[in-house]
Protein backbone atom coordinates (compact mmCIF):
# COMPACT_ATOMS: atom_id res chain seq x y z
CA MET A 1 0.00 0.00 0.00
CA LYS A 2 1.59 3.23 -1.11
CA ILE A 3 1.22 6.27 1.11
CA ALA A 4 3.78 8.53 -0.54
CA SER A 5 6.75 8.53 -2.83
CA ALA A 6 10.31 8.66 -1.46
CA PRO A 7 11.66 9.12 1.11
CA THR A 8 10.25 5.92 2.51
CA HIS A 9 10.33 6.83 6.19
CA PRO A 10 9.20 10.11 7.77
CA LYS A 11 12.20 10.28 10.09
CA ASP A 12 14.33 10.79 6.97
CA ILE A 13 12.63 14.19 6.43
CA ASN A 14 14.15 17.13 8.29
CA GLN A 15 12.04 20.00 6.94
CA VAL A 16 8.60 20.47 5.43
CA ILE A 17 7.91 23.65 3.46
CA LEU A 18 4.23 24.51 3.32
CA GLY A 19 2.63 26.33 0.43
CA ASP A 20 3.71 25.02 -2.96
CA HIS A 21 2.54 21.41 -2.92
CA GLN A 22 0.03 19.14 -1.27
CA VAL A 23 1.39 17.81 1.99
CA SER A 24 1.90 14.05 1.95
CA ILE A 25 1.07 11.77 4.84
CA VAL A 26 4.76 10.91 5.23
CA GLU A 27 5.65 14.62 5.49
CA PHE A 28 2.83 15.12 7.98
CA VAL A 29 4.08 12.31 10.22
CA ALA A 30 7.64 13.64 9.89
CA VAL A 31 6.57 16.85 11.63
CA ALA A 32 4.08 15.42 14.12
CA ARG A 33 6.05 12.38 15.27
CA TYR A 34 9.67 12.95 14.38
CA GLY A 35 10.14 16.69 14.85
CA ALA A 36 10.80 17.85 11.29
CA LYS A 37 10.91 21.65 11.05
CA VAL A 38 8.14 23.66 9.39
CA SER A 39 8.57 26.70 7.17
CA PHE A 40 6.46 28.65 4.66
CA SER A 41 7.02 29.25 0.95
CA PRO A 42 6.70 32.80 -0.46
CA SER A 43 3.38 31.86 -2.09
CA TYR A 44 2.05 30.66 1.27
CA CYS A 45 2.93 34.03 2.83
CA ASP A 46 1.43 35.97 -0.08
CA ARG A 47 -1.88 34.10 0.13
CA VAL A 48 -2.15 34.62 3.87
CA ASN A 49 -1.28 38.32 3.67
CA HIS A 50 -3.79 38.97 0.90
CA SER A 51 -6.54 37.16 2.80
CA ARG A 52 -5.69 39.20 5.90
CA SER A 53 -5.97 42.48 4.02
CA LEU A 54 -9.46 41.50 2.90
CA ILE A 55 -10.75 40.68 6.38
CA GLU A 56 -9.43 43.99 7.68
CA LYS A 57 -11.17 45.76 4.80
CA PHE A 58 -14.43 43.99 5.64
CA LEU A 59 -14.12 44.96 9.28
CA ASN A 60 -13.53 48.62 8.43
CA GLU A 61 -16.61 48.53 6.20
CA ASN A 62 -18.71 47.02 9.03
CA ARG A 63 -19.79 44.09 6.89
CA ILE A 64 -21.89 41.53 8.73
CA ILE A 65 -19.63 38.48 8.98
CA TYR A 66 -20.15 35.55 11.30
CA GLY A 67 -17.65 35.49 14.14
CA VAL A 68 -16.11 38.79 13.10
CA THR A 69 -18.92 41.27 13.58
CA THR A 70 -21.39 38.80 15.13
CA GLY A 71 -21.36 36.48 18.10
CA PHE A 72 -20.77 32.73 17.84
CA GLY A 73 -23.18 29.82 17.54
CA SER A 74 -26.71 30.82 18.41
CA ASN A 75 -25.32 34.27 19.30
CA VAL A 76 -24.99 34.91 15.59
CA THR A 77 -27.84 37.43 15.94
CA GLU A 78 -25.73 39.62 18.24
CA ILE A 79 -23.80 42.37 16.43
CA ILE A 80 -20.28 43.08 17.66
CA SER A 81 -18.73 46.52 17.31
CA THR A 82 -15.38 47.11 15.62
CA GLU A 83 -14.00 48.21 18.99
CA ASP A 84 -14.83 44.82 20.50
CA ALA A 85 -13.36 42.73 17.67
CA GLN A 86 -10.24 41.74 19.59
CA ALA A 87 -12.10 41.00 22.81
CA LEU A 88 -14.48 38.76 20.86
CA GLN A 89 -11.58 36.60 19.62
CA ARG A 90 -9.97 36.36 23.05
CA ASN A 91 -13.29 35.41 24.59
CA ILE A 92 -13.93 32.54 22.19
CA VAL A 93 -10.58 30.99 23.07
CA ARG A 94 -11.05 31.36 26.81
CA SER A 95 -14.68 30.22 26.87
CA HIS A 96 -14.16 27.25 24.57
CA ALA A 97 -11.14 25.76 26.39
CA VAL A 98 -13.29 23.34 28.38
CA SER A 99 -12.26 19.86 27.24
CA VAL A 100 -11.35 17.62 30.18
CA GLY A 101 -9.50 14.43 31.04
CA ASP A 102 -5.99 13.34 30.19
CA PRO A 103 -4.03 15.54 27.80
CA LEU A 104 -3.66 14.53 24.17
CA GLU A 105 -0.35 12.90 23.33
CA LYS A 106 2.48 15.10 22.15
CA GLU A 107 2.38 13.82 18.57
CA VAL A 108 -1.38 14.40 18.41
CA VAL A 109 -1.06 18.01 19.59
CA ARG A 110 1.75 18.60 17.10
CA ALA A 111 -0.36 17.04 14.36
CA ILE A 112 -3.28 19.36 15.15
CA GLN A 113 -0.99 22.40 15.15
CA LEU A 114 0.39 21.37 11.76
CA MET A 115 -3.13 20.81 10.48
CA MET A 116 -4.01 24.37 11.51
CA LEU A 117 -1.05 25.69 9.53
CA ILE A 118 -2.07 23.73 6.45
CA HIS A 119 -5.76 24.67 6.56
CA LEU A 120 -5.25 28.33 7.45
CA GLY A 121 -2.39 28.69 4.99
CA HIS A 122 -4.57 28.25 1.92
CA GLY A 123 -5.38 31.94 2.14
CA TYR A 124 -9.11 31.82 2.78
CA SER A 125 -9.17 32.39 6.55
CA GLY A 126 -8.10 36.01 7.07
CA VAL A 127 -5.58 35.35 9.83
CA ARG A 128 -2.28 37.21 10.19
CA LEU A 129 0.91 35.61 8.97
CA GLU A 130 2.46 36.47 12.34
CA LEU A 131 -0.02 34.17 14.07
CA LEU A 132 0.85 31.23 11.82
CA GLU A 133 4.55 31.94 12.27
CA LEU A 134 4.06 31.70 16.02
CA ILE A 135 2.36 28.31 15.68
CA ALA A 136 5.23 27.13 13.47
CA SER A 137 7.68 28.38 16.09
CA LEU A 138 5.95 26.31 18.76
CA LEU A 139 6.43 23.25 16.57
CA ASN A 140 10.04 24.09 15.74
CA GLN A 141 11.00 25.05 19.30
CA GLY A 142 9.33 22.05 20.94
CA VAL A 143 6.58 23.89 22.81
CA THR A 144 3.61 21.52 23.14
CA PRO A 145 0.34 22.97 24.48
CA PHE A 146 -1.55 21.10 27.19
CA ALA A 147 -4.87 20.04 25.63
CA PRO A 148 -7.25 17.71 27.49
CA GLY A 149 -8.66 15.18 25.06
CA ASP A 150 -12.20 14.43 26.26
CA GLY A 151 -15.43 16.25 25.58
CA SER A 152 -15.42 17.36 21.95
CA VAL A 153 -18.34 16.75 19.57
CA GLY A 154 -16.28 17.60 16.52
CA TYR A 155 -13.68 20.24 17.33
CA LEU A 156 -13.49 23.53 19.37
CA ALA A 157 -12.39 22.66 22.91
CA PRO A 158 -8.98 20.95 22.50
CA GLU A 159 -8.05 23.52 19.87
CA ALA A 160 -9.01 26.32 22.28
CA HIS A 161 -6.66 24.93 24.92
CA MET A 162 -3.88 25.06 22.32
CA ALA A 163 -4.81 28.59 21.29
CA LEU A 164 -4.57 29.78 24.90
CA VAL A 165 -0.82 29.26 24.80
CA LEU A 166 -0.52 31.62 21.82
CA ILE A 167 -1.88 34.46 23.99
CA GLY A 168 0.30 33.52 26.95
CA GLU A 169 -2.36 31.61 28.85
CA GLY A 170 -3.11 27.93 29.43
CA LYS A 171 -0.28 25.44 29.91
CA ALA A 172 2.41 23.90 27.71
CA TRP A 173 5.42 21.60 27.87
CA HIS A 174 8.84 22.94 27.10
CA LYS A 175 11.59 20.32 27.10
CA GLU A 176 9.27 17.88 28.89
CA VAL A 177 8.46 20.35 31.69
CA LEU A 178 4.82 21.48 32.04
CA LEU A 179 4.69 25.24 32.55
CA PRO A 180 2.22 28.13 32.42
CA GLY A 181 1.76 29.09 28.77
CA ARG A 182 3.56 32.43 28.99
CA GLU A 183 6.57 30.90 30.73
CA ALA A 184 6.81 28.09 28.19
CA LEU A 185 6.88 30.68 25.40
CA GLU A 186 9.49 32.78 27.16
CA ARG A 187 11.80 29.80 27.69
CA ALA A 188 11.62 29.14 23.95
CA GLY A 189 12.38 32.79 23.19
CA LEU A 190 8.84 33.47 21.95
CA THR A 191 6.39 36.27 22.67
CA PRO A 192 2.61 35.86 23.14
CA THR A 193 0.35 37.46 20.56
CA THR A 194 -2.90 39.40 20.81
CA LEU A 195 -5.59 37.81 18.69
CA SER A 196 -7.13 40.05 16.08
CA CYS A 197 -10.44 39.81 14.24
CA LYS A 198 -11.35 36.33 12.96
CA GLU A 199 -8.31 34.64 14.53
CA GLY A 200 -9.79 33.09 17.66
CA LEU A 201 -12.58 31.62 15.54
CA ALA A 202 -10.13 30.31 12.92
CA LEU A 203 -7.98 28.63 15.57
CA THR A 204 -10.89 26.77 17.15
CA ASN A 205 -12.80 26.03 13.95
CA GLY A 206 -12.49 23.37 11.29
CA SER A 207 -11.58 19.71 11.02
CA SER A 208 -8.00 20.14 12.28
CA SER A 209 -8.10 17.71 15.20
CA VAL A 210 -10.30 15.19 13.39
CA THR A 211 -8.03 15.07 10.35
CA ALA A 212 -4.80 15.15 12.34
CA MET A 213 -5.70 12.08 14.39
CA ALA A 214 -7.01 10.31 11.29
CA ILE A 215 -3.69 10.85 9.50
CA LEU A 216 -1.69 9.41 12.38
CA THR A 217 -4.13 6.50 12.50
CA LEU A 218 -3.84 5.88 8.78
CA TYR A 219 -0.05 5.83 8.95
CA ASN A 220 -0.14 3.39 11.90
CA ALA A 221 -2.74 1.25 10.14
CA ILE A 222 -0.68 0.94 6.97
CA GLN A 223 2.35 -0.14 9.01
CA ALA A 224 0.10 -2.61 10.82
CA VAL A 225 -1.53 -4.14 7.75
CA LYS A 226 1.86 -4.71 6.13
CA THR A 227 3.11 -6.23 9.37
CA ALA A 228 -0.01 -8.41 9.48
CA ASP A 229 0.99 -9.99 6.16
CA ILE A 230 4.44 -10.71 7.60
CA ALA A 231 3.15 -12.06 10.91
CA GLY A 232 0.49 -14.07 9.12
CA ALA A 233 3.11 -15.67 6.89
CA MET A 234 5.25 -16.55 9.90
CA SER A 235 2.31 -18.13 11.73
CA PHE A 236 1.28 -19.95 8.55
CA GLU A 237 4.76 -21.41 8.22
CA ALA A 238 5.00 -22.40 11.89
CA LEU A 239 1.57 -24.06 11.77
CA LYS A 240 2.46 -26.18 8.71
CA GLY A 241 0.10 -24.31 6.42
CA THR A 242 -0.86 -25.59 2.98
CA ILE A 243 0.55 -23.04 0.56
CA HIS A 244 -1.82 -24.07 -2.24
CA ALA A 245 -4.36 -21.70 -0.66
CA PHE A 246 -2.33 -18.79 -2.07
CA ASP A 247 -2.31 -20.06 -5.68
CA PRO A 248 -2.75 -17.03 -8.01
CA ARG A 249 -5.29 -18.95 -10.12
CA LEU A 250 -7.61 -19.11 -7.12
CA HIS A 251 -7.41 -15.41 -6.31
CA ALA A 252 -7.75 -14.32 -9.92
CA LEU A 253 -11.35 -15.53 -9.73
CA LYS A 254 -12.28 -12.85 -7.15
CA GLN A 255 -12.67 -9.27 -8.36
CA HIS A 256 -10.64 -7.80 -5.49
CA GLU A 257 -7.10 -6.83 -6.38
CA GLU A 258 -6.08 -6.44 -2.73
CA GLN A 259 -6.86 -10.11 -2.13
CA ALA A 260 -4.73 -11.26 -5.06
CA LYS A 261 -1.89 -8.93 -4.08
CA THR A 262 -1.99 -10.16 -0.49
CA ALA A 263 -1.76 -13.77 -1.67
CA GLN A 264 1.19 -12.75 -3.81
CA ASN A 265 2.78 -11.00 -0.79
CA LEU A 266 2.52 -14.22 1.19
CA LEU A 267 4.10 -16.25 -1.60
CA ARG A 268 6.94 -13.72 -1.87
CA ILE A 269 7.52 -13.78 1.90
CA LEU A 270 7.43 -17.60 2.03
CA LYS A 271 9.54 -18.19 -1.08
CA GLY A 272 12.41 -20.56 -0.36
CA SER A 273 10.91 -21.87 2.89
CA GLU A 274 12.00 -25.41 3.66
CA ILE A 275 9.19 -25.64 6.20
CA ALA A 276 6.45 -24.52 3.77
CA GLU A 277 7.75 -26.85 1.06
CA THR A 278 7.83 -29.81 3.45
CA TYR A 279 4.25 -29.31 4.62
CA LYS A 280 2.56 -28.01 1.46
CA ASN A 281 0.47 -31.18 1.21
CA TYR A 282 0.23 -31.84 4.95
CA ARG A 283 -3.51 -31.05 5.05
CA VAL A 284 -6.27 -30.88 2.48
CA GLN A 285 -7.01 -27.38 3.73
CA ASP A 286 -6.20 -25.28 6.78
CA ALA A 287 -8.33 -23.38 9.28
CA LEU A 288 -9.79 -20.11 8.10
CA SER A 289 -7.31 -17.96 10.03
CA LEU A 290 -4.58 -19.37 7.76
CA ARG A 291 -6.16 -19.97 4.37
CA CYS A 292 -8.29 -16.81 4.45
CA ILE A 293 -5.43 -14.40 5.13
CA PRO A 294 -5.64 -12.95 1.58
CA GLN A 295 -9.37 -12.42 1.81
CA VAL A 296 -9.43 -10.84 5.28
CA HIS A 297 -6.26 -8.77 4.99
CA GLY A 298 -7.26 -7.76 1.47
CA ALA A 299 -10.61 -6.44 2.62
CA SER A 300 -8.95 -4.35 5.31
CA LYS A 301 -6.49 -2.94 2.76
CA ARG A 302 -9.29 -1.98 0.40
CA ASN A 303 -11.05 0.03 3.08
CA LEU A 304 -7.82 1.64 4.27
CA LYS A 305 -7.18 2.77 0.70
CA ASP A 306 -10.64 4.34 0.58
CA ALA A 307 -9.95 6.08 3.88
CA ALA A 308 -6.58 7.33 2.59
CA TYR A 309 -8.25 8.93 -0.42
CA THR A 310 -10.77 10.84 1.70
CA ILE A 311 -8.32 11.81 4.44
CA ASN A 312 -5.82 13.11 1.89
CA ASN A 313 -8.55 15.28 0.35
CA GLU A 314 -9.44 16.72 3.74
CA LEU A 315 -5.77 17.25 4.60
CA ASN A 316 -5.43 19.57 1.61
CA SER A 317 -8.83 21.28 1.85
CA VAL A 318 -10.08 24.57 3.33
CA SER A 319 -12.10 23.73 6.44
CA ASP A 320 -12.79 27.13 7.94
CA ASN A 321 -15.99 29.14 8.41
CA PRO A 322 -16.46 31.76 7.20
CA VAL A 323 -14.10 31.56 4.24
CA ILE A 324 -12.73 34.73 2.67
CA VAL A 325 -12.84 34.44 -1.12
CA PRO A 326 -10.90 37.03 -3.16
CA GLU A 327 -12.73 38.62 -6.09
CA GLU A 328 -10.62 40.97 -8.21
CA ASP A 329 -9.96 44.02 -5.98
CA ASP A 330 -12.48 42.94 -3.38
CA GLY A 331 -13.78 39.72 -1.95
CA ILE A 332 -16.61 38.07 -0.11
CA ALA A 333 -17.05 36.23 3.18
CA LEU A 334 -19.02 33.05 2.62
CA MET A 335 -20.68 31.47 5.64
CA GLY A 336 -21.19 27.72 5.43
CA GLY A 337 -20.15 24.42 6.97
CA ASN A 338 -16.70 23.49 5.67
CA PHE A 339 -15.65 22.84 9.28
CA ASP A 340 -17.78 19.68 9.31
CA GLY A 341 -15.74 16.51 9.79
CA THR A 342 -18.23 13.91 8.57
CA TYR A 343 -16.14 12.82 5.59
CA VAL A 344 -13.22 11.94 7.83
CA GLY A 345 -15.45 10.72 10.67
CA ILE A 346 -17.08 8.07 8.51
CA GLN A 347 -13.70 6.91 7.21
CA ALA A 348 -12.29 6.84 10.74
CA ASP A 349 -15.15 4.51 11.71
CA VAL A 350 -14.35 2.38 8.65
CA MET A 351 -10.69 2.24 9.68
CA CYS A 352 -11.79 0.96 13.10
CA ILE A 353 -13.61 -1.92 11.44
CA ALA A 354 -10.75 -2.63 9.03
CA MET A 355 -8.22 -2.73 11.86
CA GLY A 356 -10.61 -4.76 14.02
CA ASN A 357 -10.74 -7.47 11.37
CA LEU A 358 -6.95 -7.60 11.24
CA GLY A 359 -6.89 -7.97 15.01
CA LYS A 360 -9.60 -10.64 14.90
CA ILE A 361 -7.75 -12.96 12.56
CA ALA A 362 -4.36 -12.30 14.20
CA GLU A 363 -5.70 -13.27 17.62
CA ARG A 364 -7.00 -16.55 16.19
CA ARG A 365 -3.56 -17.31 14.76
CA ILE A 366 -2.01 -16.56 18.16
CA ASP A 367 -4.39 -19.04 19.78
CA ARG A 368 -3.48 -21.74 17.25
CA LEU A 369 0.21 -21.16 17.96
CA VAL A 370 -0.04 -21.50 21.75
CA ASN A 371 -2.82 -24.13 21.86
CA PHE A 372 -1.22 -27.60 21.87
CA HIS A 373 -4.52 -29.12 20.70
CA LEU A 374 -4.03 -27.29 17.40
CA SER A 375 -0.34 -26.42 17.07
CA GLU A 376 1.33 -29.87 17.29
CA MET A 377 3.92 -28.12 19.46
CA PRO A 378 4.50 -28.07 23.22
CA SER A 379 1.79 -26.41 25.27
CA TYR A 380 2.12 -22.60 25.22
CA LEU A 381 5.35 -22.92 23.24
CA VAL A 382 7.59 -23.75 26.18
CA ARG A 383 9.68 -26.93 26.52
CA ASN A 384 8.68 -27.69 30.10
CA PRO A 385 4.94 -26.79 30.35
CA GLY A 386 3.28 -27.03 33.74
CA LEU A 387 6.26 -25.76 35.62
CA ASN A 388 6.34 -22.97 33.02
CA ASN A 389 3.27 -21.12 31.73
CA GLY A 390 5.03 -20.02 28.56
CA TYR A 391 2.90 -17.88 26.29
CA MET A 392 -0.41 -18.78 27.93
CA ILE A 393 -1.24 -15.27 29.12
CA PRO A 394 -0.06 -13.16 26.16
CA GLN A 395 -2.94 -14.73 24.25
CA TYR A 396 -5.24 -13.40 26.99
CA THR A 397 -3.73 -9.96 26.40
CA ALA A 398 -4.52 -10.25 22.70
CA VAL A 399 -8.09 -11.24 23.54
CA GLY A 400 -8.42 -8.29 25.91
CA LEU A 401 -7.08 -5.87 23.32
CA LEU A 402 -9.39 -7.32 20.69
CA GLY A 403 -12.35 -6.89 23.04
CA GLU A 404 -11.46 -3.23 23.49
CA ILE A 405 -11.13 -2.81 19.72
CA ARG A 406 -14.57 -4.31 19.20
CA ILE A 407 -16.11 -1.91 21.72
CA LEU A 408 -14.35 1.06 20.13
CA SER A 409 -15.48 -0.03 16.66
CA HIS A 410 -19.05 1.05 17.33
CA PRO A 411 -19.51 3.88 14.80
CA ALA A 412 -19.34 7.39 16.24
CA SER A 413 -20.19 9.28 13.05
CA VAL A 414 -23.87 8.24 13.22
CA GLU A 415 -24.26 9.87 16.63
CA SER A 416 -25.53 13.42 17.22
CA VAL A 417 -26.71 15.53 20.14
CA PRO A 418 -27.82 19.10 19.29
CA THR A 419 -25.77 21.95 20.78
CA SER A 420 -25.77 25.77 20.91
CA ALA A 421 -29.52 26.18 21.49
CA ASN A 422 -30.19 23.98 18.43
CA GLN A 423 -28.31 26.31 16.08
CA GLU A 424 -25.90 23.40 15.75
CA ASP A 425 -28.67 20.83 15.57
CA VAL A 426 -26.53 18.08 14.06
CA VAL A 427 -22.93 17.49 15.07
CA SER A 428 -20.47 15.10 13.42
CA PHE A 429 -18.92 13.30 16.38
CA ALA A 430 -16.00 12.90 13.97
CA TYR A 431 -13.59 13.81 16.76
CA ALA A 432 -14.68 10.71 18.69
CA ALA A 433 -14.40 8.60 15.54
CA SER A 434 -10.82 9.69 14.86
CA LYS A 435 -9.81 9.51 18.50
CA LYS A 436 -10.93 5.91 18.92
CA ALA A 437 -9.41 4.92 15.57
CA TYR A 438 -6.07 6.28 16.79
CA GLN A 439 -6.43 4.21 19.97
CA ILE A 440 -7.28 1.09 17.95
CA SER A 441 -4.23 1.53 15.71
CA LYS A 442 -1.98 1.15 18.74
CA LYS A 443 -3.93 -1.77 20.22
CA LEU A 444 -3.71 -3.59 16.88
CA SER A 445 0.07 -3.17 16.80
CA TYR A 446 0.28 -4.78 20.25
CA ILE A 447 -1.75 -7.76 19.02
CA LEU A 448 0.58 -8.12 16.04
CA ALA A 449 3.58 -7.84 18.36
CA ILE A 450 2.22 -10.78 20.35
CA GLU A 451 1.69 -12.77 17.15
CA LEU A 452 5.26 -12.11 16.03
CA MET A 453 6.57 -13.00 19.50
CA THR A 454 4.75 -16.34 19.52
CA ALA A 455 5.51 -17.09 15.86
CA VAL A 456 9.29 -16.80 16.25
CA GLN A 457 9.10 -19.06 19.32
CA ALA A 458 7.07 -21.58 17.35
CA LEU A 459 9.62 -21.56 14.55
CA ASP A 460 12.27 -22.61 17.07
CA PHE A 461 10.50 -25.96 17.33
CA HIS A 462 10.99 -26.54 13.59
CA ARG A 463 14.76 -26.33 13.73
CA PRO A 464 16.92 -27.44 12.00
CA MET A 465 14.48 -26.88 9.11
CA LYS A 466 14.82 -23.38 7.74
CA SER A 467 12.24 -20.68 7.23
CA SER A 468 12.24 -18.61 4.07
CA PRO A 469 15.09 -16.07 3.74
CA VAL A 470 12.61 -13.24 4.35
CA ILE A 471 11.20 -14.79 7.51
CA GLU A 472 14.72 -15.61 8.70
CA GLY A 473 15.48 -11.90 8.37
CA VAL A 474 12.51 -10.93 10.54
CA TYR A 475 13.31 -13.75 12.97
CA ASN A 476 16.86 -12.47 13.36
CA LEU A 477 15.70 -8.88 13.91
CA ILE A 478 13.35 -9.95 16.70
CA ARG A 479 15.82 -12.36 18.24
CA THR A 480 18.45 -9.61 18.56
CA GLN A 481 16.33 -8.21 21.39
CA VAL A 482 13.91 -11.00 22.33
CA PRO A 483 15.73 -14.28 23.05
CA THR A 484 14.16 -17.72 22.83
CA VAL A 485 12.05 -18.59 25.88
CA GLU A 486 13.50 -21.52 27.81
CA GLU A 487 11.61 -20.79 31.04
CA ASP A 488 9.14 -18.20 32.23
CA ARG A 489 10.36 -14.62 32.37
CA PHE A 490 8.93 -11.09 32.41
CA PHE A 491 7.32 -10.98 28.94
CA TYR A 492 6.07 -7.39 28.97
CA PRO A 493 9.42 -5.93 27.76
CA ASP A 494 9.44 -8.43 24.88
CA ILE A 495 5.99 -7.33 23.73
CA VAL A 496 6.92 -3.65 23.97
CA THR A 497 10.18 -4.21 22.08
CA ILE A 498 8.41 -5.86 19.14
CA TYR A 499 5.65 -3.21 19.28
CA HIS A 500 8.30 -0.53 18.74
CA GLN A 501 9.81 -2.54 15.88
CA ILE A 502 6.38 -2.44 14.25
CA HIS A 503 5.66 1.19 15.14
CA GLU A 504 9.01 2.39 13.76
CA GLY A 505 8.66 0.35 10.59
CA GLU A 506 11.67 -1.89 11.32
CA ILE A 507 9.81 -5.14 10.67
CA VAL A 508 8.41 -3.89 7.37
CA LYS A 509 11.79 -2.49 6.30
CA VAL A 510 13.52 -5.84 6.72
CA VAL A 511 11.00 -7.44 4.39
CA GLU A 512 10.68 -4.65 1.83
CA ASP A 513 14.46 -4.37 1.54
CA MET A 514 14.43 -8.00 0.40
CA ILE A 515 11.31 -8.31 -1.78
CA GLY A 516 10.18 -4.76 -2.54
CA GLU A 517 6.98 -3.09 -1.41
CA ILE A 518 4.35 -5.11 0.42
CA GLU A 519 1.19 -4.32 -1.51
């Protein structure tokens, strides 16, 4: 599954220049997760400055514009004087910073800040360039606003917590120390700003948080689905799978290219396997969790591709309200609903289901590996069962994670509770959809880590027969940090180690360096 052209890993990107091209998902993750610096192209600056001149012109002409010369939400009927324009923007930030609970993770906050820069930098929002430069400076100087993550119906509250820091209020981390917002800015050599007309609204508006979390989820999910092919092939090999189930002639009869490509991936990964060759006729056919890997993984890939298309469109869209559209020497403020996150919310729900199905089949493979009734190997993959529990309980962990994924896979985007005195009578709940998808992406990677952990242990019982060269490469990577289990030990560090190998793309890199892209 392709998510961008070279470079292949976001940590290889040191700088992302906004303004002259559509931002790729790899570039986005480079900034949010790996600290790549952000800067603006001249065209970015020109667009923003022109849009700003228009909003100031509209204000001087006393045009009736939502959130500039009117109140917010159901207060749209209240007219705001030019003299109160700044106070109005400060008030929206202060009054809307009411999300609660644990703070969003650092990479999520950074992703939302970057999303603000992308959306507002299209030149249709009327904000000052200085404001966007300050947000970029927070990213580049490592100032991360404190933003509680619970209580949003679509946007507004977490973004308001982030905006507080820009005016020297709220809280933020600087070099891992949580400080009052003003002090965090000062330690980074930055100065708070005073919000001008339209800016408080622009900072709290739009699909920034929804899209940001969906992008991180999508990146995690693509790493996971590629890893699932690898882990599935390892489990298939260890469980003496019948490779005839991946025959291209079989998969050519289904009109789903992802299925056929997944079957081909498995054949490429298993090529040269002494184990697979020995047992290719061992059974007439295998259990569904082995022979249906192409069908199940393929279906998840198809839906992740659909999600990627929609999320990429939203990433590079204008999601503000109102939008300031230039028209020759003048312009117009158009009030509408481009802030709505339903497109991404629906796809986030779909990603939950796609990832849930990957977790479902992976957990069944884990059970077959550790269950001596099915595996034809020692109970729980340890040489002295009874005295040792082996990998009995990691399968419980996978079941627990899968249960949480199933609960979180209930669609959020169909929910709605009217707000703002019924002026906002339908809300997207896309924030909840993206937030739970992001949580699922990490839970899925832990399930796959457990599958890889048990699969390499199972392969030890096939020695001296050799795995395929590709699987030997993955085996060796894992075994550099996770030794063979001879007796019970503290398994949590092993799971976390393999999780990080998945999360950082190390597992996938080993395979793709040998056989090319996993499709």
